[in-house]
Amino acid sequence: VPVCWPQFAGNGPFHKHGFARNTEWELDSYSTEEDPCVTLKLVPSEFTKKTMDCPFDFELRYTVTLGGDYLKMEMNVKNTGDEDMHFTTALHTYFSIDDISKTSVEGVGEHHYNDTAQGGRDCY
């Protein structure tokens, strides 16, 4: 699943979908227990600072958990610098489904998001 960060689509000053999906991540942790999971970490590098012109310091973690009947993907962003950090993000999934009306996304809560499956509608 491509991680679009620090920008989704054309919503900001970076390349479309940002640089996280084209950057080398490091393994942060993993578990092989009942619900195996892996956490990858992305931090500033010469590539993000010089090539992608990213002005802020950050720590981005992406965790994927495989359950018996579910897939959980979680992204956490931490501003490790002194400057404000503005970003947009998306986990750009490409799941093959039979009927979009029978599909749900959980865990968004009260966060603002843009639903492109509904014509780019802003949702809260």
N, C-alpha and C. Protein backbone atom coordinates (compact mmCIF):
# COMPACT_ATOMS: atom_id res chain seq x y z
N VAL A 1 0.86 -1.18 0.00
CA VAL A 1 0.00 0.00 0.00
C VAL A 1 0.90 1.23 0.00
N PRO A 2 0.89 2.01 -1.05
CA PRO A 2 1.71 3.22 -1.09
C PRO A 2 1.31 4.21 0.01
N VAL A 3 2.31 4.74 0.69
CA VAL A 3 2.11 5.75 1.73
C VAL A 3 2.32 7.12 1.09
N CYS A 4 1.25 7.89 0.99
CA CYS A 4 1.33 9.24 0.42
C CYS A 4 1.56 10.21 1.57
N TRP A 5 2.76 10.80 1.61
CA TRP A 5 3.12 11.72 2.70
C TRP A 5 4.37 12.47 2.30
N PRO A 6 4.55 13.71 2.58
CA PRO A 6 3.73 14.62 3.37
C PRO A 6 2.64 15.32 2.56
N GLN A 7 2.31 14.74 1.44
CA GLN A 7 1.29 15.37 0.61
C GLN A 7 0.49 14.30 -0.12
N PHE A 8 -0.83 14.46 -0.11
CA PHE A 8 -1.69 13.60 -0.91
C PHE A 8 -2.14 14.39 -2.13
N ALA A 9 -2.10 13.75 -3.28
CA ALA A 9 -2.50 14.37 -4.55
C ALA A 9 -1.72 15.66 -4.75
N GLY A 10 -2.39 16.71 -5.18
CA GLY A 10 -1.74 17.99 -5.41
C GLY A 10 -2.00 18.97 -4.29
N ASN A 11 -2.29 18.48 -3.09
CA ASN A 11 -2.68 19.33 -1.96
C ASN A 11 -1.48 19.82 -1.17
N GLY A 12 -0.57 20.55 -1.80
CA GLY A 12 0.58 21.09 -1.08
C GLY A 12 1.74 21.38 -2.02
N PRO A 13 2.90 21.72 -1.45
CA PRO A 13 4.04 22.16 -2.26
C PRO A 13 4.94 21.05 -2.79
N PHE A 14 4.70 19.80 -2.40
CA PHE A 14 5.58 18.71 -2.81
C PHE A 14 5.07 18.04 -4.08
N HIS A 15 5.84 17.06 -4.58
CA HIS A 15 5.40 16.27 -5.72
C HIS A 15 4.08 15.58 -5.37
N LYS A 16 3.29 15.27 -6.38
CA LYS A 16 2.03 14.56 -6.16
C LYS A 16 2.28 13.31 -5.33
N HIS A 17 1.56 13.15 -4.24
CA HIS A 17 1.63 12.04 -3.30
C HIS A 17 2.90 12.04 -2.44
N GLY A 18 3.67 13.12 -2.47
CA GLY A 18 4.81 13.25 -1.57
C GLY A 18 5.96 12.32 -1.90
N PHE A 19 6.84 12.13 -0.91
CA PHE A 19 8.05 11.34 -1.15
C PHE A 19 8.14 10.06 -0.34
N ALA A 20 7.26 9.84 0.62
CA ALA A 20 7.39 8.66 1.49
C ALA A 20 7.33 7.35 0.71
N ARG A 21 6.52 7.30 -0.32
CA ARG A 21 6.37 6.06 -1.09
C ARG A 21 7.59 5.74 -1.94
N ASN A 22 8.48 6.72 -2.14
CA ASN A 22 9.68 6.53 -2.96
C ASN A 22 10.96 6.62 -2.14
N THR A 23 10.84 6.50 -0.83
CA THR A 23 11.98 6.67 0.06
C THR A 23 12.24 5.38 0.82
N GLU A 24 13.50 5.12 1.11
CA GLU A 24 13.85 3.92 1.86
C GLU A 24 13.51 4.10 3.34
N TRP A 25 12.73 3.17 3.88
CA TRP A 25 12.33 3.16 5.29
C TRP A 25 13.24 2.21 6.05
N GLU A 26 13.24 2.33 7.37
CA GLU A 26 13.99 1.38 8.18
C GLU A 26 13.02 0.56 9.03
N LEU A 27 13.42 -0.67 9.33
CA LEU A 27 12.61 -1.53 10.19
C LEU A 27 12.71 -1.00 11.62
N ASP A 28 11.57 -0.70 12.22
CA ASP A 28 11.53 -0.19 13.59
C ASP A 28 11.28 -1.33 14.58
N SER A 29 10.29 -2.17 14.28
CA SER A 29 9.99 -3.31 15.15
C SER A 29 9.11 -4.30 14.40
N TYR A 30 9.03 -5.51 14.94
CA TYR A 30 8.12 -6.51 14.37
C TYR A 30 7.76 -7.53 15.44
N SER A 31 6.68 -8.23 15.18
CA SER A 31 6.22 -9.29 16.08
C SER A 31 5.72 -10.45 15.24
N THR A 32 6.01 -11.66 15.68
CA THR A 32 5.51 -12.85 14.98
C THR A 32 4.49 -13.58 15.84
N GLU A 33 3.91 -12.87 16.80
CA GLU A 33 2.91 -13.46 17.69
C GLU A 33 1.63 -13.78 16.92
N GLU A 34 0.53 -13.99 17.64
CA GLU A 34 -0.74 -14.41 17.04
C GLU A 34 -1.19 -13.49 15.91
N ASP A 35 -1.15 -12.19 16.12
CA ASP A 35 -1.46 -11.21 15.07
C ASP A 35 -0.15 -10.53 14.68
N PRO A 36 0.59 -11.11 13.72
CA PRO A 36 1.90 -10.55 13.39
C PRO A 36 1.80 -9.12 12.88
N CYS A 37 2.82 -8.32 13.22
CA CYS A 37 2.83 -6.94 12.76
C CYS A 37 4.27 -6.50 12.50
N VAL A 38 4.39 -5.46 11.71
CA VAL A 38 5.68 -4.85 11.42
C VAL A 38 5.50 -3.34 11.45
N THR A 39 6.49 -2.64 12.00
CA THR A 39 6.49 -1.18 12.02
C THR A 39 7.73 -0.69 11.29
N LEU A 40 7.50 0.17 10.31
CA LEU A 40 8.58 0.79 9.56
C LEU A 40 8.67 2.25 9.97
N LYS A 41 9.88 2.81 9.90
CA LYS A 41 10.08 4.20 10.32
C LYS A 41 10.79 4.98 9.22
N LEU A 42 10.35 6.22 9.04
CA LEU A 42 10.97 7.13 8.09
C LEU A 42 11.34 8.40 8.84
N VAL A 43 12.60 8.82 8.71
CA VAL A 43 13.09 10.05 9.33
C VAL A 43 13.80 10.87 8.26
N PRO A 44 14.07 12.14 8.53
CA PRO A 44 14.74 12.97 7.53
C PRO A 44 16.07 12.37 7.08
N SER A 45 16.37 12.58 5.81
CA SER A 45 17.62 12.10 5.23
C SER A 45 18.10 13.15 4.23
N GLU A 46 19.25 12.90 3.65
CA GLU A 46 19.74 13.81 2.62
C GLU A 46 18.73 13.88 1.46
N PHE A 47 18.13 12.74 1.13
CA PHE A 47 17.13 12.70 0.05
C PHE A 47 15.93 13.58 0.38
N THR A 48 15.37 13.45 1.59
CA THR A 48 14.17 14.24 1.92
C THR A 48 14.49 15.72 2.05
N LYS A 49 15.66 16.04 2.58
CA LYS A 49 16.01 17.45 2.80
C LYS A 49 16.48 18.15 1.52
N LYS A 50 17.38 17.51 0.78
CA LYS A 50 17.97 18.19 -0.38
C LYS A 50 17.21 17.92 -1.67
N THR A 51 16.93 16.67 -1.96
CA THR A 51 16.28 16.33 -3.22
C THR A 51 14.80 16.71 -3.20
N MET A 52 14.11 16.42 -2.09
CA MET A 52 12.68 16.69 -2.01
C MET A 52 12.37 18.03 -1.35
N ASP A 53 13.38 18.72 -0.87
CA ASP A 53 13.24 20.05 -0.29
C ASP A 53 12.24 20.09 0.87
N CYS A 54 12.31 19.08 1.74
CA CYS A 54 11.42 19.01 2.90
C CYS A 54 12.00 19.87 4.02
N PRO A 55 11.29 20.91 4.45
CA PRO A 55 11.86 21.85 5.41
C PRO A 55 11.72 21.46 6.88
N PHE A 56 11.00 20.40 7.19
CA PHE A 56 10.75 20.09 8.60
C PHE A 56 11.35 18.76 9.02
N ASP A 57 11.54 18.63 10.33
CA ASP A 57 12.03 17.39 10.93
C ASP A 57 10.83 16.57 11.39
N PHE A 58 10.90 15.28 11.20
CA PHE A 58 9.74 14.43 11.46
C PHE A 58 10.17 13.01 11.80
N GLU A 59 9.21 12.27 12.29
CA GLU A 59 9.36 10.83 12.49
C GLU A 59 8.02 10.23 12.07
N LEU A 60 8.05 9.40 11.05
CA LEU A 60 6.84 8.79 10.50
C LEU A 60 6.93 7.29 10.71
N ARG A 61 5.92 6.73 11.35
CA ARG A 61 5.86 5.28 11.57
C ARG A 61 4.62 4.72 10.88
N TYR A 62 4.82 3.57 10.23
CA TYR A 62 3.75 2.88 9.52
C TYR A 62 3.73 1.44 10.04
N THR A 63 2.60 1.06 10.66
CA THR A 63 2.46 -0.28 11.24
C THR A 63 1.39 -1.05 10.50
N VAL A 64 1.71 -2.28 10.13
CA VAL A 64 0.76 -3.18 9.46
C VAL A 64 0.61 -4.41 10.34
N THR A 65 -0.65 -4.73 10.68
CA THR A 65 -0.96 -5.90 11.49
C THR A 65 -1.87 -6.83 10.69
N LEU A 66 -1.53 -8.12 10.69
CA LEU A 66 -2.33 -9.12 10.00
C LEU A 66 -3.09 -9.95 11.03
N GLY A 67 -4.40 -9.75 11.09
CA GLY A 67 -5.23 -10.52 11.99
C GLY A 67 -5.85 -11.70 11.26
N GLY A 68 -6.55 -12.53 11.98
CA GLY A 68 -7.19 -13.69 11.37
C GLY A 68 -8.18 -13.32 10.28
N ASP A 69 -8.91 -12.23 10.48
CA ASP A 69 -9.90 -11.81 9.48
C ASP A 69 -9.84 -10.31 9.20
N TYR A 70 -8.68 -9.70 9.43
CA TYR A 70 -8.56 -8.27 9.18
C TYR A 70 -7.13 -7.88 8.85
N LEU A 71 -7.01 -6.72 8.24
CA LEU A 71 -5.73 -6.07 7.97
C LEU A 71 -5.82 -4.69 8.59
N LYS A 72 -4.91 -4.37 9.50
CA LYS A 72 -4.91 -3.06 10.15
C LYS A 72 -3.66 -2.31 9.72
N MET A 73 -3.86 -1.08 9.22
CA MET A 73 -2.75 -0.22 8.82
C MET A 73 -2.85 1.07 9.63
N GLU A 74 -1.75 1.44 10.24
CA GLU A 74 -1.75 2.62 11.10
C GLU A 74 -0.53 3.48 10.79
N MET A 75 -0.75 4.78 10.69
CA MET A 75 0.33 5.70 10.42
C MET A 75 0.37 6.74 11.53
N ASN A 76 1.56 6.98 12.08
CA ASN A 76 1.76 7.98 13.13
C ASN A 76 2.83 8.95 12.69
N VAL A 77 2.53 10.24 12.83
CA VAL A 77 3.46 11.30 12.44
C VAL A 77 3.82 12.10 13.68
N LYS A 78 5.12 12.34 13.86
CA LYS A 78 5.59 13.15 14.98
C LYS A 78 6.47 14.27 14.45
N ASN A 79 6.19 15.48 14.86
CA ASN A 79 7.01 16.63 14.52
C ASN A 79 8.18 16.65 15.51
N THR A 80 9.39 16.42 15.04
CA THR A 80 10.56 16.39 15.92
C THR A 80 11.35 17.70 15.86
N GLY A 81 10.81 18.67 15.15
CA GLY A 81 11.49 19.96 15.02
C GLY A 81 10.78 21.05 15.79
N ASP A 82 11.25 22.27 15.60
CA ASP A 82 10.69 23.43 16.29
C ASP A 82 9.68 24.19 15.43
N GLU A 83 9.67 23.93 14.13
CA GLU A 83 8.78 24.64 13.21
C GLU A 83 7.45 23.90 13.07
N ASP A 84 6.41 24.66 12.71
CA ASP A 84 5.13 24.03 12.39
C ASP A 84 5.31 23.09 11.21
N MET A 85 4.55 22.02 11.21
CA MET A 85 4.64 21.03 10.14
C MET A 85 3.23 20.81 9.58
N HIS A 86 3.01 21.24 8.36
CA HIS A 86 1.72 21.07 7.71
C HIS A 86 1.85 19.97 6.66
N PHE A 87 0.89 19.03 6.67
CA PHE A 87 0.97 17.92 5.73
C PHE A 87 -0.42 17.36 5.46
N THR A 88 -0.54 16.65 4.36
CA THR A 88 -1.70 15.82 4.07
C THR A 88 -1.17 14.42 3.84
N THR A 89 -2.03 13.42 3.99
CA THR A 89 -1.54 12.05 3.90
C THR A 89 -2.64 11.11 3.44
N ALA A 90 -2.23 9.95 2.96
CA ALA A 90 -3.18 8.90 2.58
C ALA A 90 -2.45 7.57 2.52
N LEU A 91 -3.16 6.52 2.85
CA LEU A 91 -2.72 5.16 2.56
C LEU A 91 -3.46 4.79 1.29
N HIS A 92 -2.75 4.78 0.18
CA HIS A 92 -3.36 4.69 -1.15
C HIS A 92 -3.60 3.22 -1.51
N THR A 93 -4.68 2.68 -0.97
CA THR A 93 -4.99 1.27 -1.16
C THR A 93 -5.58 0.99 -2.54
N TYR A 94 -5.35 -0.21 -3.00
CA TYR A 94 -5.89 -0.68 -4.27
C TYR A 94 -6.51 -2.05 -4.05
N PHE A 95 -7.54 -2.12 -3.24
CA PHE A 95 -8.18 -3.39 -2.96
C PHE A 95 -9.23 -3.70 -4.02
N SER A 96 -9.26 -4.93 -4.46
CA SER A 96 -10.27 -5.37 -5.40
C SER A 96 -11.51 -5.79 -4.60
N ILE A 97 -12.60 -5.06 -4.80
CA ILE A 97 -13.84 -5.35 -4.08
C ILE A 97 -14.99 -5.48 -5.06
N ASP A 98 -15.99 -6.25 -4.68
CA ASP A 98 -17.13 -6.47 -5.56
C ASP A 98 -18.12 -5.32 -5.55
N ASP A 99 -18.36 -4.71 -4.38
CA ASP A 99 -19.41 -3.70 -4.26
C ASP A 99 -18.97 -2.64 -3.27
N ILE A 100 -18.65 -1.43 -3.75
CA ILE A 100 -18.17 -0.35 -2.89
C ILE A 100 -19.20 0.02 -1.82
N SER A 101 -20.48 -0.18 -2.11
CA SER A 101 -21.52 0.18 -1.14
C SER A 101 -21.52 -0.76 0.07
N LYS A 102 -20.85 -1.90 -0.03
CA LYS A 102 -20.76 -2.85 1.08
C LYS A 102 -19.40 -2.79 1.77
N THR A 103 -18.66 -1.73 1.51
CA THR A 103 -17.31 -1.58 2.05
C THR A 103 -17.29 -0.45 3.06
N SER A 104 -16.54 -0.62 4.14
CA SER A 104 -16.45 0.44 5.14
C SER A 104 -15.00 0.66 5.53
N VAL A 105 -14.73 1.86 5.99
CA VAL A 105 -13.42 2.23 6.53
C VAL A 105 -13.65 2.63 7.97
N GLU A 106 -12.95 2.00 8.88
CA GLU A 106 -13.12 2.28 10.30
C GLU A 106 -11.87 2.95 10.86
N GLY A 107 -12.06 3.69 11.93
CA GLY A 107 -10.93 4.30 12.63
C GLY A 107 -10.65 5.73 12.23
N VAL A 108 -11.44 6.28 11.32
CA VAL A 108 -11.22 7.67 10.92
C VAL A 108 -11.71 8.61 12.02
N GLY A 109 -12.75 8.19 12.72
CA GLY A 109 -13.26 8.98 13.84
C GLY A 109 -13.73 10.35 13.41
N GLU A 110 -13.32 11.35 14.16
CA GLU A 110 -13.75 12.72 13.89
C GLU A 110 -12.74 13.50 13.06
N HIS A 111 -11.82 12.80 12.43
CA HIS A 111 -10.80 13.47 11.63
C HIS A 111 -11.36 13.89 10.28
N HIS A 112 -10.83 14.98 9.77
CA HIS A 112 -11.23 15.47 8.46
C HIS A 112 -10.54 14.63 7.39
N TYR A 113 -11.28 14.27 6.35
CA TYR A 113 -10.69 13.56 5.23
C TYR A 113 -11.45 13.88 3.96
N ASN A 114 -10.81 13.59 2.84
CA ASN A 114 -11.38 13.83 1.53
C ASN A 114 -11.68 12.49 0.90
N ASP A 115 -12.95 12.23 0.58
CA ASP A 115 -13.38 10.94 0.04
C ASP A 115 -13.48 11.03 -1.47
N THR A 116 -12.44 10.56 -2.17
CA THR A 116 -12.46 10.63 -3.63
C THR A 116 -13.42 9.62 -4.24
N ALA A 117 -13.81 8.58 -3.48
CA ALA A 117 -14.82 7.64 -3.98
C ALA A 117 -16.20 8.31 -4.04
N GLN A 118 -16.33 9.45 -3.34
CA GLN A 118 -17.58 10.22 -3.38
C GLN A 118 -17.35 11.55 -4.08
N GLY A 119 -16.51 11.53 -5.10
CA GLY A 119 -16.29 12.73 -5.91
C GLY A 119 -15.45 13.80 -5.25
N GLY A 120 -14.62 13.43 -4.29
CA GLY A 120 -13.76 14.40 -3.63
C GLY A 120 -14.44 15.15 -2.50
N ARG A 121 -15.51 14.57 -1.98
CA ARG A 121 -16.29 15.21 -0.91
C ARG A 121 -15.46 15.31 0.37
N ASP A 122 -15.49 16.49 1.01
CA ASP A 122 -14.85 16.66 2.32
C ASP A 122 -15.74 16.05 3.38
N CYS A 123 -15.16 15.22 4.23
CA CYS A 123 -15.91 14.53 5.28
C CYS A 123 -15.30 14.87 6.64
N TYR A 124 -16.15 14.87 7.66
CA TYR A 124 -15.69 15.17 9.02
C TYR A 124 -16.20 14.13 9.98
